[in-house]
Every structure is written in structure tokens, then in C-alpha cells.
N, C-alpha and C. Protein backbone atom coordinates (compact mmCIF):
# COMPACT_ATOMS: atom_id res chain seq x y z
N MET A 1 -156.03 -58.24 47.11
CA MET A 1 -155.21 -57.52 46.30
C MET A 1 -154.80 -58.71 45.35
N GLN A 2 -154.69 -58.34 44.02
CA GLN A 2 -154.30 -59.53 43.26
C GLN A 2 -152.91 -59.06 42.47
N ASN A 3 -151.93 -59.78 42.62
CA ASN A 3 -150.72 -59.63 41.97
C ASN A 3 -150.14 -60.12 41.03
N ARG A 4 -149.60 -59.81 40.16
CA ARG A 4 -149.08 -60.19 38.58
C ARG A 4 -147.63 -61.02 39.02
N SER A 5 -147.28 -62.04 38.38
CA SER A 5 -146.15 -62.35 38.24
C SER A 5 -145.18 -61.67 37.68
N LYS A 6 -143.94 -61.79 38.07
CA LYS A 6 -142.77 -60.80 37.46
C LYS A 6 -142.74 -61.04 35.94
N GLY A 7 -142.87 -60.08 35.29
CA GLY A 7 -142.36 -59.83 33.90
C GLY A 7 -143.91 -60.01 33.31
N ALA A 8 -144.91 -60.03 33.86
CA ALA A 8 -146.24 -60.37 33.37
C ALA A 8 -146.52 -59.10 32.29
N ARG A 9 -146.08 -57.96 32.82
CA ARG A 9 -146.31 -56.61 31.81
C ARG A 9 -145.12 -55.94 31.96
N ALA A 10 -144.73 -55.34 30.56
CA ALA A 10 -143.66 -54.47 30.42
C ALA A 10 -143.75 -53.34 31.44
N GLY A 11 -142.71 -52.33 31.65
CA GLY A 11 -142.71 -51.11 32.10
C GLY A 11 -142.86 -50.97 33.57
N LEU A 12 -144.05 -50.37 34.44
CA LEU A 12 -143.95 -50.16 35.69
C LEU A 12 -143.96 -51.74 36.41
N PHE A 13 -144.81 -52.56 35.51
CA PHE A 13 -145.03 -53.75 36.23
C PHE A 13 -143.87 -55.08 35.94
N GLY A 14 -142.81 -54.57 35.56
CA GLY A 14 -141.93 -55.92 35.34
C GLY A 14 -141.30 -56.12 36.72
N ARG A 15 -141.34 -55.26 37.66
CA ARG A 15 -141.07 -55.56 38.98
C ARG A 15 -142.23 -55.97 40.01
N LEU A 16 -143.32 -56.59 39.39
CA LEU A 16 -144.46 -56.96 40.44
C LEU A 16 -143.96 -58.21 41.31
N GLY A 17 -144.28 -58.11 42.41
CA GLY A 17 -143.93 -59.26 43.46
C GLY A 17 -145.02 -60.16 43.67
N ARG A 18 -144.74 -61.28 44.18
CA ARG A 18 -145.93 -62.36 44.40
C ARG A 18 -145.03 -63.29 45.44
N ARG A 19 -144.72 -62.61 46.49
CA ARG A 19 -144.17 -63.06 47.82
C ARG A 19 -145.06 -63.23 48.92
N GLY A 20 -145.19 -64.32 49.68
CA GLY A 20 -145.85 -64.20 50.94
C GLY A 20 -144.79 -63.56 51.95
N GLU A 21 -145.35 -63.56 53.26
CA GLU A 21 -144.50 -62.97 54.11
C GLU A 21 -143.59 -63.93 54.59
N GLY A 22 -143.68 -65.08 54.73
CA GLY A 22 -142.80 -66.06 54.90
C GLY A 22 -141.68 -66.37 54.11
N ASP A 23 -141.94 -65.87 52.77
CA ASP A 23 -140.81 -66.12 52.04
C ASP A 23 -139.85 -64.80 52.23
N ARG A 24 -139.96 -63.82 52.80
CA ARG A 24 -139.07 -62.77 53.04
C ARG A 24 -137.84 -62.98 53.56
N GLU A 25 -136.64 -62.43 52.84
CA GLU A 25 -135.40 -62.34 53.57
C GLU A 25 -135.45 -61.91 54.97
N VAL A 26 -136.29 -60.85 55.26
CA VAL A 26 -136.50 -60.01 56.63
C VAL A 26 -137.91 -60.50 57.00
N SER A 27 -138.12 -61.20 57.89
CA SER A 27 -139.53 -61.64 58.31
C SER A 27 -139.68 -61.39 59.99
N ARG A 28 -140.52 -60.80 60.59
CA ARG A 28 -140.70 -60.46 61.97
C ARG A 28 -142.06 -60.78 62.19
N ALA A 29 -142.34 -61.15 63.38
CA ALA A 29 -143.90 -60.98 64.21
C ALA A 29 -144.26 -59.55 64.21
N ASP A 30 -145.68 -59.51 64.17
CA ASP A 30 -146.25 -58.04 64.27
C ASP A 30 -145.78 -57.32 65.44
N ASP A 31 -145.46 -57.93 66.66
CA ASP A 31 -145.17 -57.24 67.88
C ASP A 31 -143.55 -57.03 67.72
N GLU A 32 -142.89 -57.79 66.98
CA GLU A 32 -141.43 -57.40 66.93
C GLU A 32 -141.41 -56.01 65.80
N TRP A 33 -142.34 -55.89 64.72
CA TRP A 33 -142.34 -54.74 64.04
C TRP A 33 -142.88 -53.37 65.14
N ARG A 34 -143.76 -53.89 65.71
CA ARG A 34 -144.04 -52.57 66.64
C ARG A 34 -142.88 -52.07 67.72
N GLU A 35 -142.40 -53.11 68.14
CA GLU A 35 -140.96 -52.57 68.93
C GLU A 35 -139.93 -51.79 68.06
N LYS A 36 -139.81 -52.28 67.02
CA LYS A 36 -138.68 -51.80 66.09
C LYS A 36 -139.13 -50.43 65.49
N LEU A 37 -140.17 -50.35 65.34
CA LEU A 37 -140.57 -48.97 64.69
C LEU A 37 -141.13 -47.88 65.44
N THR A 38 -141.08 -46.57 65.17
CA THR A 38 -142.00 -45.68 65.63
C THR A 38 -143.30 -45.88 65.71
N PRO A 39 -144.37 -45.32 66.24
CA PRO A 39 -145.72 -45.72 65.92
C PRO A 39 -146.24 -44.92 64.57
N GLU A 40 -145.59 -43.92 64.20
CA GLU A 40 -145.97 -43.39 62.98
C GLU A 40 -145.35 -44.51 61.69
N GLN A 41 -144.14 -45.05 61.99
CA GLN A 41 -143.67 -45.92 60.98
C GLN A 41 -144.30 -46.89 60.99
N TYR A 42 -144.85 -47.66 62.03
CA TYR A 42 -145.73 -48.82 62.00
C TYR A 42 -146.89 -48.54 61.11
N ARG A 43 -147.40 -47.56 61.50
CA ARG A 43 -148.52 -47.16 60.74
C ARG A 43 -148.49 -46.80 59.13
N VAL A 44 -147.46 -46.51 58.89
CA VAL A 44 -147.25 -46.37 57.32
C VAL A 44 -146.48 -47.32 56.84
N LEU A 45 -145.57 -48.19 57.44
CA LEU A 45 -144.87 -48.98 56.69
C LEU A 45 -145.35 -50.58 56.82
N ARG A 46 -146.06 -50.79 57.87
CA ARG A 46 -146.88 -52.12 58.07
C ARG A 46 -148.27 -51.96 57.82
N GLN A 47 -148.81 -50.99 58.27
CA GLN A 47 -150.53 -51.02 58.04
C GLN A 47 -150.71 -50.29 56.60
N ARG A 48 -149.91 -49.76 55.89
CA ARG A 48 -149.77 -49.20 54.41
C ARG A 48 -150.66 -47.78 54.57
N GLY A 49 -150.31 -46.94 55.56
CA GLY A 49 -150.78 -45.93 55.64
C GLY A 49 -150.00 -44.98 54.89
N THR A 50 -150.53 -43.35 55.05
CA THR A 50 -149.70 -42.41 54.35
C THR A 50 -149.41 -41.16 55.43
N GLU A 51 -148.15 -40.62 55.12
CA GLU A 51 -147.91 -39.89 56.05
C GLU A 51 -148.28 -38.47 55.50
N ALA A 52 -148.39 -37.27 56.23
CA ALA A 52 -148.68 -36.31 56.02
C ALA A 52 -147.82 -35.45 54.92
N PRO A 53 -148.04 -34.59 53.86
CA PRO A 53 -147.21 -34.30 53.01
C PRO A 53 -146.33 -33.36 53.84
N PHE A 54 -145.15 -33.19 53.16
CA PHE A 54 -144.02 -32.13 53.80
C PHE A 54 -143.53 -32.52 55.34
N SER A 55 -143.74 -33.70 55.83
CA SER A 55 -143.69 -34.12 57.30
C SER A 55 -142.34 -34.50 57.43
N ASN A 56 -141.61 -35.14 56.38
CA ASN A 56 -140.52 -35.78 56.60
C ASN A 56 -139.45 -35.19 55.41
N GLN A 57 -139.11 -34.03 55.37
CA GLN A 57 -138.29 -33.56 54.25
C GLN A 57 -136.79 -33.36 54.67
N ALA A 58 -136.49 -34.01 55.55
CA ALA A 58 -135.11 -33.75 56.18
C ALA A 58 -134.43 -35.35 55.82
N VAL A 59 -135.11 -36.24 55.07
CA VAL A 59 -134.35 -37.76 54.95
C VAL A 59 -133.15 -37.39 53.83
N ALA A 60 -132.26 -38.21 54.38
CA ALA A 60 -130.90 -38.19 53.64
C ALA A 60 -130.21 -39.36 53.54
N PRO A 61 -129.62 -39.52 52.23
CA PRO A 61 -129.01 -40.51 51.68
C PRO A 61 -127.75 -41.35 52.90
N ASP A 62 -127.23 -42.34 52.66
CA ASP A 62 -126.09 -42.96 53.75
C ASP A 62 -124.75 -42.31 53.00
N ALA A 63 -123.80 -42.72 53.54
CA ALA A 63 -122.50 -42.43 52.76
C ALA A 63 -122.38 -43.02 51.40
N ASP A 64 -122.95 -44.09 51.10
CA ASP A 64 -122.87 -44.56 49.80
C ASP A 64 -123.79 -43.83 48.68
N GLY A 65 -124.46 -43.03 49.30
CA GLY A 65 -125.35 -42.06 48.33
C GLY A 65 -126.65 -42.95 48.30
N LEU A 66 -127.08 -43.84 48.90
CA LEU A 66 -128.13 -44.79 48.80
C LEU A 66 -129.46 -44.22 50.22
N TYR A 67 -130.86 -44.20 49.43
CA TYR A 67 -131.53 -44.13 50.60
C TYR A 67 -131.86 -45.67 50.82
N ARG A 68 -132.12 -45.81 52.18
CA ARG A 68 -132.45 -47.15 52.72
C ARG A 68 -133.73 -47.37 53.46
N TYR A 69 -134.11 -48.45 53.44
CA TYR A 69 -135.63 -48.59 54.25
C TYR A 69 -135.45 -48.69 55.69
N ALA A 70 -136.16 -47.90 56.35
CA ALA A 70 -135.85 -47.66 57.71
C ALA A 70 -136.29 -48.94 58.66
N ALA A 71 -137.23 -49.87 57.95
CA ALA A 71 -137.52 -51.10 58.71
C ALA A 71 -136.77 -52.10 58.53
N CYS A 72 -135.76 -52.39 57.40
CA CYS A 72 -134.65 -53.43 57.52
C CYS A 72 -133.42 -53.05 56.59
N ASP A 73 -133.31 -51.77 56.36
CA ASP A 73 -131.88 -51.32 55.97
C ASP A 73 -132.02 -51.63 54.38
N ALA A 74 -132.68 -52.02 53.69
CA ALA A 74 -132.58 -52.39 52.42
C ALA A 74 -132.12 -51.17 51.45
N ALA A 75 -131.27 -51.37 50.74
CA ALA A 75 -131.05 -50.30 49.40
C ALA A 75 -132.14 -49.94 48.76
N LEU A 76 -132.84 -48.94 48.69
CA LEU A 76 -134.09 -48.61 47.90
C LEU A 76 -133.68 -47.82 46.75
N PHE A 77 -133.38 -46.48 47.15
CA PHE A 77 -133.01 -45.64 46.07
C PHE A 77 -131.61 -45.03 46.09
N ARG A 78 -130.87 -44.30 45.05
CA ARG A 78 -129.84 -43.61 44.83
C ARG A 78 -130.04 -42.38 44.96
N ALA A 79 -129.10 -41.58 45.49
CA ALA A 79 -129.44 -40.19 45.64
C ALA A 79 -129.36 -39.15 44.31
N ASP A 80 -128.86 -39.84 43.42
CA ASP A 80 -128.88 -39.07 42.19
C ASP A 80 -130.09 -39.15 41.33
N THR A 81 -131.00 -40.07 41.74
CA THR A 81 -132.41 -40.26 41.18
C THR A 81 -133.32 -39.26 41.88
N LYS A 82 -133.17 -38.91 42.95
CA LYS A 82 -134.16 -37.95 43.90
C LYS A 82 -134.46 -36.78 43.18
N PHE A 83 -135.47 -36.28 43.15
CA PHE A 83 -135.93 -34.96 42.72
C PHE A 83 -137.25 -34.13 43.44
N ASP A 84 -137.29 -33.04 43.12
CA ASP A 84 -138.44 -32.51 43.73
C ASP A 84 -139.90 -32.23 43.02
N SER A 85 -140.57 -32.97 43.48
CA SER A 85 -141.84 -33.40 42.57
C SER A 85 -143.16 -32.15 43.17
N GLY A 86 -142.51 -31.55 44.36
CA GLY A 86 -143.67 -30.43 44.57
C GLY A 86 -144.48 -30.88 45.29
N THR A 87 -144.79 -32.48 45.67
CA THR A 87 -146.04 -33.02 46.30
C THR A 87 -145.76 -33.10 47.84
N GLY A 88 -144.72 -32.97 48.25
CA GLY A 88 -144.37 -32.97 49.37
C GLY A 88 -144.11 -34.03 50.42
N TRP A 89 -143.57 -35.34 49.33
CA TRP A 89 -143.12 -36.53 49.58
C TRP A 89 -142.01 -36.82 49.03
N PRO A 90 -140.64 -37.40 49.50
CA PRO A 90 -139.62 -37.87 48.77
C PRO A 90 -140.02 -38.41 47.17
N SER A 91 -139.43 -37.81 46.26
CA SER A 91 -139.67 -38.47 45.09
C SER A 91 -138.47 -38.91 44.21
N PHE A 92 -138.59 -39.86 43.46
CA PHE A 92 -137.42 -40.62 42.93
C PHE A 92 -137.71 -41.09 41.39
N THR A 93 -136.66 -40.85 40.29
CA THR A 93 -137.00 -41.44 39.02
C THR A 93 -136.88 -42.74 38.75
N ASP A 94 -136.24 -43.49 39.59
CA ASP A 94 -135.82 -45.13 39.54
C ASP A 94 -135.52 -45.62 40.89
N SER A 95 -135.62 -46.85 40.91
CA SER A 95 -135.31 -47.52 42.06
C SER A 95 -134.21 -48.62 42.13
N GLU A 96 -133.71 -49.11 43.25
CA GLU A 96 -132.63 -50.07 42.91
C GLU A 96 -133.43 -51.28 42.44
N THR A 97 -132.70 -52.01 41.69
CA THR A 97 -133.37 -52.86 41.09
C THR A 97 -133.83 -54.21 41.77
N ASP A 98 -133.31 -54.66 42.86
CA ASP A 98 -133.44 -55.37 43.96
C ASP A 98 -134.04 -54.91 44.97
N GLY A 99 -134.39 -53.82 45.30
CA GLY A 99 -134.76 -53.19 46.40
C GLY A 99 -136.41 -52.90 46.64
N VAL A 100 -136.99 -52.80 45.46
CA VAL A 100 -138.39 -52.84 45.53
C VAL A 100 -139.24 -53.52 44.56
N GLU A 101 -140.52 -53.89 44.72
CA GLU A 101 -141.27 -54.94 44.14
C GLU A 101 -142.64 -53.88 44.15
N LEU A 102 -143.73 -54.16 43.15
CA LEU A 102 -144.41 -53.48 42.57
C LEU A 102 -145.99 -54.23 42.81
N HIS A 103 -147.09 -53.65 43.44
CA HIS A 103 -148.16 -54.31 43.39
C HIS A 103 -149.37 -53.45 43.00
N ARG A 104 -150.18 -54.08 42.29
CA ARG A 104 -151.55 -53.40 42.11
C ARG A 104 -152.19 -52.94 43.26
N ASP A 105 -152.73 -51.61 43.20
CA ASP A 105 -153.26 -51.21 44.68
C ASP A 105 -154.61 -50.80 44.43
N ASP A 106 -155.87 -51.18 44.81
CA ASP A 106 -157.17 -50.46 44.12
C ASP A 106 -157.73 -49.78 45.53
N ARG A 107 -157.03 -49.64 46.51
CA ARG A 107 -157.64 -49.41 47.79
C ARG A 107 -158.50 -47.97 47.63
N ALA A 108 -157.77 -46.91 46.75
CA ALA A 108 -158.39 -45.79 46.83
C ALA A 108 -159.29 -45.74 45.62
N GLY A 109 -159.91 -46.69 45.27
CA GLY A 109 -160.97 -46.85 44.36
C GLY A 109 -160.49 -46.30 42.94
N VAL A 110 -159.17 -45.88 42.74
CA VAL A 110 -158.37 -45.81 41.56
C VAL A 110 -157.25 -46.47 41.59
N PRO A 111 -156.92 -47.39 40.43
CA PRO A 111 -155.72 -48.42 40.29
C PRO A 111 -154.78 -47.49 40.20
N ARG A 112 -153.51 -47.88 41.49
CA ARG A 112 -152.58 -47.16 41.46
C ARG A 112 -151.27 -48.46 41.40
N THR A 113 -150.26 -47.90 41.56
CA THR A 113 -149.05 -49.17 41.89
C THR A 113 -148.40 -48.83 43.08
N GLU A 114 -148.28 -49.67 43.79
CA GLU A 114 -147.85 -49.73 45.21
C GLU A 114 -146.60 -50.15 45.13
N VAL A 115 -145.55 -49.45 45.68
CA VAL A 115 -144.05 -49.59 46.10
C VAL A 115 -143.93 -50.39 47.25
N ARG A 116 -143.30 -51.65 47.24
CA ARG A 116 -142.97 -52.31 48.70
C ARG A 116 -141.47 -52.69 48.55
N CYS A 117 -141.02 -52.83 49.66
CA CYS A 117 -139.60 -53.56 50.01
C CYS A 117 -139.49 -54.87 49.74
N ARG A 118 -138.61 -55.28 48.78
CA ARG A 118 -138.63 -56.57 48.33
C ARG A 118 -138.19 -57.46 49.50
N ARG A 119 -137.28 -57.00 50.34
CA ARG A 119 -136.73 -57.52 51.30
C ARG A 119 -137.54 -58.00 52.63
N CYS A 120 -138.38 -56.86 52.83
CA CYS A 120 -139.32 -57.41 54.17
C CYS A 120 -141.03 -57.16 53.80
N GLY A 121 -141.22 -56.70 52.53
CA GLY A 121 -142.51 -56.42 51.99
C GLY A 121 -143.40 -55.46 52.58
N GLY A 122 -142.53 -54.33 53.15
CA GLY A 122 -143.52 -53.13 54.11
C GLY A 122 -143.69 -52.33 52.91
N HIS A 123 -144.71 -51.36 53.13
CA HIS A 123 -144.97 -50.17 52.14
C HIS A 123 -144.12 -49.20 52.16
N LEU A 124 -143.86 -48.55 50.87
CA LEU A 124 -143.13 -47.39 50.77
C LEU A 124 -143.96 -46.38 50.14
N GLY A 125 -144.84 -46.51 49.37
CA GLY A 125 -145.54 -45.41 48.60
C GLY A 125 -146.03 -45.97 47.58
N HIS A 126 -146.11 -45.02 46.41
CA HIS A 126 -146.72 -45.44 45.27
C HIS A 126 -145.98 -44.80 43.94
N VAL A 127 -145.99 -45.53 42.73
CA VAL A 127 -145.08 -45.01 41.63
C VAL A 127 -146.23 -44.50 40.43
N PHE A 128 -145.64 -43.35 39.85
CA PHE A 128 -146.80 -42.83 38.95
C PHE A 128 -146.03 -42.55 37.33
N SER A 129 -146.54 -42.59 36.59
CA SER A 129 -145.89 -42.36 35.13
C SER A 129 -146.03 -40.75 34.66
N ASP A 130 -145.41 -40.01 35.82
CA ASP A 130 -145.60 -38.38 35.35
C ASP A 130 -144.35 -38.04 35.76
N GLY A 131 -143.41 -38.84 36.05
CA GLY A 131 -142.09 -38.14 36.48
C GLY A 131 -141.20 -37.31 35.29
N PRO A 132 -140.09 -37.38 35.41
CA PRO A 132 -139.19 -36.80 34.29
C PRO A 132 -138.50 -37.68 33.79
N GLY A 133 -137.79 -37.17 32.68
CA GLY A 133 -137.06 -38.21 32.09
C GLY A 133 -135.80 -38.80 32.83
N PRO A 134 -135.10 -39.78 32.70
CA PRO A 134 -135.43 -40.72 31.42
C PRO A 134 -136.12 -41.78 31.61
N THR A 135 -137.02 -41.94 32.74
CA THR A 135 -137.61 -43.04 33.01
C THR A 135 -139.11 -42.61 32.84
N GLY A 136 -139.39 -41.55 33.22
CA GLY A 136 -140.46 -41.01 33.22
C GLY A 136 -141.82 -41.41 34.44
N LYS A 137 -140.70 -42.09 35.50
CA LYS A 137 -141.53 -42.52 36.56
C LYS A 137 -141.36 -41.71 37.84
N ARG A 138 -142.48 -41.39 38.76
CA ARG A 138 -142.06 -40.73 39.96
C ARG A 138 -142.53 -41.57 41.05
N TYR A 139 -141.66 -42.10 41.87
CA TYR A 139 -141.76 -42.92 43.03
C TYR A 139 -142.00 -41.96 43.99
N CYS A 140 -143.33 -42.00 44.57
CA CYS A 140 -143.62 -41.27 45.45
C CYS A 140 -143.59 -41.81 46.81
N ILE A 141 -142.72 -41.38 47.76
CA ILE A 141 -142.20 -42.27 48.94
C ILE A 141 -142.43 -41.61 50.22
N ASN A 142 -143.09 -42.36 51.11
CA ASN A 142 -143.42 -41.60 52.53
C ASN A 142 -141.97 -41.66 53.04
N GLY A 143 -141.47 -40.29 53.73
CA GLY A 143 -140.19 -40.13 54.26
C GLY A 143 -139.89 -40.94 55.49
N CYS A 144 -140.91 -41.19 56.06
CA CYS A 144 -140.68 -41.88 57.58
C CYS A 144 -140.20 -43.54 57.06
N ALA A 145 -140.24 -44.00 55.85
CA ALA A 145 -139.83 -45.24 55.30
C ALA A 145 -138.45 -45.26 55.16
N LEU A 146 -137.58 -43.76 54.99
CA LEU A 146 -136.16 -43.80 54.46
C LEU A 146 -135.32 -43.42 55.47
N GLY A 147 -134.39 -44.32 55.69
CA GLY A 147 -133.28 -43.99 56.74
C GLY A 147 -132.72 -45.26 57.12
N ARG A 148 -132.04 -45.28 58.04
CA ARG A 148 -131.21 -46.30 58.61
C ARG A 148 -132.29 -47.30 59.50
N GLY A 149 -132.07 -48.55 59.64
CA GLY A 149 -132.99 -49.06 60.34
C GLY A 149 -133.04 -49.23 61.87
N ASP A 150 -131.88 -48.37 62.40
CA ASP A 150 -131.46 -48.68 63.80
C ASP A 150 -131.92 -46.94 64.32
N ARG A 151 -133.20 -46.40 63.94
CA ARG A 151 -133.67 -45.29 64.40
C ARG A 151 -134.12 -45.24 65.60
N ARG A 152 -134.45 -46.43 66.10
CA ARG A 152 -135.25 -46.88 67.51
C ARG A 152 -134.46 -48.02 67.93
N SER A 153 -133.74 -48.30 69.14
CA SER A 153 -133.33 -49.20 69.30
C SER A 153 -134.03 -50.43 69.80
N VAL A 154 -133.50 -51.66 69.21
CA VAL A 154 -134.55 -52.84 69.09
C VAL A 154 -134.28 -53.32 70.62
């Protein structure tokens, strides 16, 4: 996969990341991720999978109105940016500036923009340019990615 440097393109690609796993604020060995996450979370968050639509509709923000990453507790999205896209995945119009990074994703045979956690590099979902105003973005996020990092004791 080819990543572009931060600021290489305006718009969606303004937050493109170029970090290696060793450069992360939160870095764990593969067996540690398997221990921390549920099997479904591991498949989606660490192996870049996708959960079934409508499978995680009960996700909720924390007391500060933030949706956090289940793997490392990074702040990702504000509750007031969430909307119902009808797709079956939690959707947001914007992300926390320091919460995510974007990467080009050609795995599906069609270029898409993958959303990853800036803190630990885990997969969140994808962002599309068909969302409502004012940003016009639709961050389509796997529901199992959202929640406190302590869902399963370590």
C-alpha cells in the first residue's frame, strides 16, 4: 500500500499518515492485541476486516461526548458529528484532528480511503465524500472499533 505524506493533497488526504508500527504511541505485539481484543475486534481492527452491517448499533459516546477507539482508548469522533447514513455502520461527518489518519486502500479493486487510529494504527473503516454538510464526508466506521479500551480485561 502506498501512503502519501501529510499535506500532500487537500481535502480528505490532508491527514494521510506515514507511520510505521514502531513509531506509534501505543504499540503491542500481535499476541498482546489478541489477548486485549475480542476475536471479532481482532479480525476487524488488526486484520483490517469489516463487521456485518447493523451488528453494532448500540455504541455510545463516553461522558465527554466522545467516541473512543476500543483498542487503545484514543478519542476519535464527537457525538455531535454522528448521523444515520442508513448503511448499517456508525457514521460521522468529521473526526478528531489528532484521532485518525487516512490511507489509500486499493484492496477492494476500487480506490478508497481507509481510516486508521493515529495512536495505534488500527483499522476503523473508510471515509467517503458523500456525507452531509458542512464537511460532505461520511466516516463509515466499524461499530466494534468504538468503545472503551477495557471491554475485555487484559
